[in-house]
Amino acid sequence: MLIGFGVPVSGSWATPGNVIRVARRAEALGYHALWTFQRLLSPVDAAWGEMYRSVLDPVVSLAFLAGVTERVRLGTAVVNLPFVSPVVLAKQFATLDIVSNGRLDVGLGLAWADEEFAATGTPTARRGRRAEEYLDVLKTLWTRQVVEHAGEFYRVPPMRAEPKPVQRPHPPILLGGSAPPALRRAGRIADGWISGSAADLNPIRDGVRVVRAAAEEVGRDPSGLRFVCRGAVQVRPAGGAPRRPLAGTPDQIRADFADLAALGVTELFIDLNFDPRIGSPDADPTESMRRAEEALESFAPASRR
């Protein structure tokens, strides 16, 4: 199982200097990928959680990282596709793949916050069907010399869309979502699936099973799919309250990594942004970085630890 790391995008530790520091250290330690996530707004009462109160843009953050790293892959987990035109997003991601020299992983989701749908003027109806057409448009823009699309939701007149991404036929597309239709969609038309931030391992087990079955139903080889887990890691002392998965001492958390690999997860990234002691605007950024640097060392791929 490949191990990645979530860069500082949420809360007080999400500064340019810390983003560079974490990214370069992760690359030096042999981590496979760096990941970001998207949140456009947050409720006044902070009901969605500390990690969503203040979040950097994921695509801009990865473009910044492309210039200060050389090897490590760069991924979004996830960008919500309903909020922007596929033509705009295709251009942004193609550019990001170029400036990173082909290191981009495109993680996309359908979104869940009604307030963000309202604020972006986006309808919530028929999100699944809209997403499938959206992916068709992305792939067309990235692979064809003359682009043309006339569908139910999107229209692109005969035009050229240049330059193309570095990766061929296009950057890997990974879909998020936990509902059965979203899982089946990932198996049918995407390169893999990205799990959510829940610590319960049962949805991951079930998700992998549904995605693989959907791939087989349409004649795809499920062994070629990627299964990416956001590891909402919380390093804590031993003892105390009953432990949840991915929380506890580094040794306990590494044992959870082995359990995830056994469930079929092919990639996991450690996301400290989802630890309220780190990813909050009220957290001490110096202490957050101290915790992050300890985690980077503790969970580095075995060959570098």
Protein backbone atom coordinates (compact mmCIF):
# COMPACT_ATOMS: atom_id res chain seq x y z
CA MET A 1 0.00 0.00 0.00
CA LEU A 2 1.40 3.37 -1.03
CA ILE A 3 1.53 6.12 1.63
CA GLY A 4 0.89 9.80 0.96
CA PHE A 5 0.45 12.93 3.09
CA GLY A 6 -2.12 15.71 3.24
CA VAL A 7 -0.46 19.13 3.06
CA PRO A 8 -1.52 21.99 5.39
CA VAL A 9 -4.64 23.45 3.76
CA SER A 10 -6.95 23.85 6.77
CA GLY A 11 -6.66 26.10 9.80
CA SER A 12 -3.86 28.20 11.24
CA TRP A 13 -0.99 25.96 10.09
CA ALA A 14 -1.96 26.41 6.40
CA THR A 15 0.70 29.02 5.59
CA PRO A 16 2.91 29.16 2.48
CA GLY A 17 6.01 28.36 4.51
CA ASN A 18 4.41 25.36 6.20
CA VAL A 19 2.99 24.04 2.93
CA ILE A 20 6.49 24.07 1.41
CA ARG A 21 8.08 22.62 4.54
CA VAL A 22 5.69 19.66 4.74
CA ALA A 23 5.78 18.99 1.00
CA ARG A 24 9.57 18.95 0.75
CA ARG A 25 9.98 16.83 3.86
CA ALA A 26 7.37 14.34 2.64
CA GLU A 27 9.13 14.08 -0.72
CA ALA A 28 12.49 13.56 0.95
CA LEU A 29 11.04 10.81 3.15
CA GLY A 30 9.67 8.91 0.16
CA TYR A 31 5.97 9.60 0.45
CA HIS A 32 4.13 8.72 -2.75
CA ALA A 33 1.76 11.70 -3.06
CA LEU A 34 0.61 14.99 -1.55
CA TRP A 35 -3.12 15.68 -1.25
CA THR A 36 -5.48 18.64 -0.84
CA PHE A 37 -9.25 18.99 -0.43
CA GLN A 38 -11.92 21.58 -1.22
CA ARG A 39 -14.31 23.58 0.94
CA LEU A 40 -15.77 26.83 -0.41
CA LEU A 41 -17.76 28.01 2.61
CA SER A 42 -18.38 27.11 6.25
CA PRO A 43 -21.37 27.74 8.53
CA VAL A 44 -21.30 30.56 11.03
CA ASP A 45 -21.73 28.13 13.92
CA ALA A 46 -18.87 25.88 12.66
CA ALA A 47 -21.29 22.92 12.65
CA TRP A 48 -19.38 21.13 9.89
CA GLY A 49 -16.23 20.84 12.02
CA GLU A 50 -13.01 22.70 12.71
CA MET A 51 -11.30 21.40 9.55
CA TYR A 52 -13.80 23.22 7.30
CA ARG A 53 -13.66 26.69 8.88
CA SER A 54 -10.70 27.97 6.82
CA VAL A 55 -9.49 26.02 3.78
CA LEU A 56 -7.07 26.96 0.98
CA ASP A 57 -8.07 26.32 -2.63
CA PRO A 58 -6.88 22.83 -3.62
CA VAL A 59 -5.88 23.47 -7.24
CA VAL A 60 -3.99 26.69 -6.51
CA SER A 61 -2.21 24.98 -3.60
CA LEU A 62 -1.05 22.10 -5.83
CA ALA A 63 0.16 24.51 -8.51
CA PHE A 64 2.24 26.19 -5.80
CA LEU A 65 3.62 22.81 -4.74
CA ALA A 66 4.43 21.81 -8.31
CA GLY A 67 7.13 24.47 -8.31
CA VAL A 68 8.80 23.36 -5.06
CA THR A 69 8.76 19.57 -5.53
CA GLU A 70 10.14 17.23 -8.19
CA ARG A 71 8.99 13.63 -7.75
CA VAL A 72 5.99 13.31 -5.45
CA ARG A 73 2.55 13.06 -7.04
CA LEU A 74 -0.07 15.77 -6.45
CA GLY A 75 -3.74 14.95 -5.87
CA THR A 76 -7.09 16.54 -5.08
CA ALA A 77 -9.33 14.64 -2.66
CA VAL A 78 -11.65 16.04 -3.84
CA VAL A 79 -12.66 18.94 -6.07
CA ASN A 80 -16.45 19.14 -6.38
CA LEU A 81 -17.20 19.11 -10.07
CA PRO A 82 -20.72 20.64 -9.99
CA PHE A 83 -19.36 24.04 -8.94
CA VAL A 84 -17.40 24.91 -12.09
CA SER A 85 -17.71 24.40 -15.86
CA PRO A 86 -15.91 21.30 -17.17
CA VAL A 87 -14.13 23.49 -19.74
CA VAL A 88 -12.66 25.66 -16.98
CA LEU A 89 -11.67 22.72 -14.80
CA ALA A 90 -10.15 20.86 -17.76
CA LYS A 91 -7.94 23.86 -18.51
CA GLN A 92 -6.85 24.20 -14.87
CA PHE A 93 -6.01 20.53 -14.49
CA ALA A 94 -4.26 20.31 -17.87
CA THR A 95 -2.10 23.27 -16.86
CA LEU A 96 -1.38 21.70 -13.46
CA ASP A 97 -0.36 18.44 -15.11
CA ILE A 98 2.00 20.36 -17.39
CA VAL A 99 3.66 22.49 -14.70
CA SER A 100 4.09 19.39 -12.49
CA ASN A 101 5.51 17.37 -15.42
CA GLY A 102 2.75 14.77 -15.33
CA ARG A 103 2.32 14.24 -11.57
CA LEU A 104 -1.39 15.03 -11.18
CA ASP A 105 -4.14 12.79 -9.79
CA VAL A 106 -7.61 14.26 -10.36
CA GLY A 107 -9.95 13.43 -7.48
CA LEU A 108 -13.52 14.59 -8.08
CA GLY A 109 -16.71 14.58 -6.04
CA LEU A 110 -20.37 15.50 -6.45
CA ALA A 111 -20.51 17.77 -3.33
CA TRP A 112 -22.91 17.55 -0.40
CA ALA A 113 -23.40 21.04 1.09
CA ASP A 114 -26.67 22.65 0.02
CA GLU A 115 -25.27 26.06 0.97
CA GLU A 116 -22.38 25.70 -1.50
CA PHE A 117 -24.77 24.62 -4.26
CA ALA A 118 -26.86 27.73 -3.58
CA ALA A 119 -23.85 30.05 -3.45
CA THR A 120 -22.43 28.77 -6.75
CA GLY A 121 -25.79 28.83 -8.52
CA THR A 122 -25.61 25.08 -9.13
CA PRO A 123 -28.69 22.81 -9.26
CA THR A 124 -28.68 19.75 -7.03
CA ALA A 125 -31.03 17.69 -9.18
CA ARG A 126 -29.67 14.79 -11.24
CA ARG A 127 -26.15 15.18 -9.92
CA GLY A 128 -25.16 11.65 -10.87
CA ARG A 129 -26.20 11.92 -14.50
CA ARG A 130 -24.63 15.36 -14.72
CA ALA A 131 -21.35 13.99 -13.32
CA GLU A 132 -21.16 11.23 -15.91
CA GLU A 133 -21.57 13.72 -18.74
CA TYR A 134 -19.08 16.03 -17.05
CA LEU A 135 -16.43 13.28 -17.14
CA ASP A 136 -17.18 12.69 -20.83
CA VAL A 137 -16.52 16.38 -21.50
CA LEU A 138 -13.27 16.35 -19.49
CA LYS A 139 -11.94 13.34 -21.37
CA THR A 140 -12.94 14.84 -24.71
CA LEU A 141 -11.17 18.11 -23.93
CA TRP A 142 -8.03 16.25 -22.85
CA THR A 143 -7.78 13.72 -25.67
CA ARG A 144 -9.26 15.01 -28.94
CA GLN A 145 -7.75 17.46 -31.39
CA VAL A 146 -11.13 18.97 -32.28
CA VAL A 147 -13.46 19.15 -29.31
CA GLU A 148 -17.23 18.98 -29.75
CA HIS A 149 -19.92 18.00 -27.29
CA ALA A 150 -23.70 18.40 -27.32
CA GLY A 151 -25.32 16.74 -24.33
CA GLU A 152 -28.13 17.12 -21.87
CA PHE A 153 -26.22 19.42 -19.51
CA TYR A 154 -23.17 20.73 -21.39
CA ARG A 155 -22.43 22.02 -24.87
CA VAL A 156 -19.03 22.69 -26.43
CA PRO A 157 -18.99 23.92 -30.06
CA PRO A 158 -16.33 22.53 -32.43
CA MET A 159 -13.12 24.04 -31.06
CA ARG A 160 -9.57 23.21 -30.06
CA ALA A 161 -8.54 22.84 -26.41
CA GLU A 162 -4.76 23.15 -26.06
CA PRO A 163 -2.38 22.35 -24.55
CA LYS A 164 -3.14 18.77 -23.60
CA PRO A 165 -2.06 17.20 -20.28
CA VAL A 166 1.31 15.46 -20.10
CA GLN A 167 -0.17 12.14 -18.95
CA ARG A 168 -1.76 9.96 -21.61
CA PRO A 169 -4.52 9.51 -22.35
CA HIS A 170 -5.21 11.92 -19.46
CA PRO A 171 -4.46 12.31 -15.73
CA PRO A 172 -5.98 9.54 -13.60
CA ILE A 173 -9.55 10.33 -12.55
CA LEU A 174 -10.59 9.16 -9.08
CA LEU A 175 -14.15 9.59 -7.84
CA GLY A 176 -15.32 10.15 -4.28
CA GLY A 177 -18.68 9.38 -2.74
CA SER A 178 -20.11 6.68 -0.48
CA ALA A 179 -23.64 6.16 -1.82
CA PRO A 180 -24.06 2.97 -3.88
CA PRO A 181 -24.66 4.83 -7.17
CA ALA A 182 -21.46 6.86 -6.64
CA LEU A 183 -19.49 3.71 -5.86
CA ARG A 184 -20.82 1.93 -8.94
CA ARG A 185 -20.00 4.97 -11.07
CA ALA A 186 -16.39 4.87 -9.90
CA GLY A 187 -16.15 1.23 -10.88
CA ARG A 188 -17.71 1.77 -14.29
CA ILE A 189 -15.99 4.89 -15.58
CA ALA A 190 -13.16 6.08 -13.30
CA ASP A 191 -9.60 5.01 -12.57
CA GLY A 192 -10.36 4.50 -8.90
CA TRP A 193 -12.21 5.58 -5.77
CA ILE A 194 -11.35 7.94 -2.89
CA SER A 195 -12.93 7.23 0.47
CA GLY A 196 -14.28 9.90 2.81
CA SER A 197 -12.85 10.97 6.15
CA ALA A 198 -14.91 8.67 8.40
CA ALA A 199 -12.83 6.56 10.74
CA ASP A 200 -15.14 3.53 10.53
CA LEU A 201 -13.46 0.90 8.37
CA ASN A 202 -16.69 -0.89 7.42
CA PRO A 203 -17.73 1.66 4.74
CA ILE A 204 -14.29 1.29 3.18
CA ARG A 205 -14.62 -2.49 3.07
CA ASP A 206 -18.08 -2.22 1.51
CA GLY A 207 -16.99 0.55 -0.86
CA VAL A 208 -14.11 -1.45 -2.27
CA ARG A 209 -16.42 -4.42 -2.81
CA VAL A 210 -19.09 -2.39 -4.64
CA VAL A 211 -16.58 -0.56 -6.85
CA ARG A 212 -14.86 -3.78 -7.85
CA ALA A 213 -18.17 -5.51 -8.61
CA ALA A 214 -19.32 -2.61 -10.78
CA ALA A 215 -16.08 -2.72 -12.76
CA GLU A 216 -16.47 -6.45 -13.39
CA GLU A 217 -20.08 -5.99 -14.54
CA VAL A 218 -18.94 -3.78 -17.43
CA GLY A 219 -15.97 -5.93 -18.34
CA ARG A 220 -13.25 -3.91 -16.62
CA ASP A 221 -10.40 -5.51 -14.71
CA PRO A 222 -10.82 -4.37 -11.08
CA SER A 223 -7.18 -5.17 -10.33
CA GLY A 224 -6.22 -2.06 -12.28
CA LEU A 225 -8.31 0.28 -10.12
CA ARG A 226 -6.90 2.46 -7.37
CA PHE A 227 -8.50 2.61 -3.92
CA VAL A 228 -7.37 5.69 -2.01
CA CYS A 229 -8.17 6.21 1.67
CA ARG A 230 -8.00 9.54 3.45
CA GLY A 231 -6.42 8.62 6.78
CA ALA A 232 -7.87 11.05 9.31
CA VAL A 233 -4.98 10.28 11.66
CA GLN A 234 -4.97 11.54 15.26
CA VAL A 235 -1.81 10.71 17.21
CA ARG A 236 -2.71 10.31 20.89
CA PRO A 237 -1.15 8.70 24.00
CA ALA A 238 -2.06 5.12 24.83
CA GLY A 239 -4.93 4.44 27.22
CA GLY A 240 -7.96 6.51 28.03
CA ALA A 241 -11.21 6.25 26.05
CA PRO A 242 -11.79 3.36 23.64
CA ARG A 243 -9.65 3.86 20.57
CA ARG A 244 -11.10 4.48 17.12
CA PRO A 245 -9.25 3.37 13.97
CA LEU A 246 -6.39 5.68 12.91
CA ALA A 247 -6.21 7.26 16.38
CA GLY A 248 -3.71 6.34 19.07
CA THR A 249 0.01 5.75 19.22
CA PRO A 250 2.06 5.53 16.00
CA ASP A 251 2.38 1.76 16.45
CA GLN A 252 -1.37 1.35 16.85
CA ILE A 253 -2.04 3.51 13.79
CA ARG A 254 0.46 1.59 11.68
CA ALA A 255 -1.42 -1.59 12.61
CA ASP A 256 -4.58 0.07 11.26
CA PHE A 257 -2.73 0.74 8.01
CA ALA A 258 -2.19 -3.00 7.68
CA ASP A 259 -5.91 -3.60 8.23
CA LEU A 260 -6.75 -1.12 5.46
CA ALA A 261 -4.36 -2.80 3.06
CA ALA A 262 -6.07 -6.10 3.81
CA LEU A 263 -9.42 -4.53 2.84
CA GLY A 264 -8.08 -3.74 -0.63
CA VAL A 265 -6.92 -0.14 -0.12
CA THR A 266 -4.03 0.50 -2.53
CA GLU A 267 -3.09 3.99 -1.32
CA LEU A 268 -3.53 5.83 1.97
CA PHE A 269 -2.68 9.41 2.81
CA ILE A 270 -2.27 10.79 6.31
CA ASP A 271 -4.46 13.88 6.65
CA LEU A 272 -3.74 15.82 9.83
CA ASN A 273 -6.05 18.61 8.66
CA PHE A 274 -8.89 16.49 10.10
CA ASP A 275 -7.35 16.46 13.57
CA PRO A 276 -9.08 19.34 15.43
CA ARG A 277 -5.86 19.98 17.38
CA ILE A 278 -4.13 20.77 14.07
CA GLY A 279 -6.65 21.73 11.36
CA SER A 280 -8.44 24.44 13.35
CA PRO A 281 -7.98 28.20 12.90
CA ASP A 282 -7.65 28.34 16.69
CA ALA A 283 -4.82 25.80 16.91
CA ASP A 284 -1.27 26.91 17.69
CA PRO A 285 0.47 26.69 14.28
CA THR A 286 3.87 26.05 15.87
CA GLU A 287 2.52 23.11 17.83
CA SER A 288 0.66 21.86 14.74
CA MET A 289 3.90 21.80 12.77
CA ARG A 290 5.68 20.01 15.59
CA ARG A 291 3.00 17.31 15.52
CA ALA A 292 3.15 17.16 11.73
CA GLU A 293 6.90 16.70 11.62
CA GLU A 294 6.68 13.89 14.17
CA ALA A 295 3.97 12.23 12.09
CA LEU A 296 5.99 12.61 8.89
CA GLU A 297 8.86 10.74 10.50
CA SER A 298 6.70 8.14 12.25
CA PHE A 299 4.64 7.12 9.22
CA ALA A 300 7.24 7.49 6.47
CA PRO A 301 7.34 4.56 4.03
CA ALA A 302 9.21 1.68 5.62
CA SER A 303 12.19 1.96 3.29
CA ARG A 304 12.90 5.50 4.61
CA ARG A 305 11.88 5.16 8.26
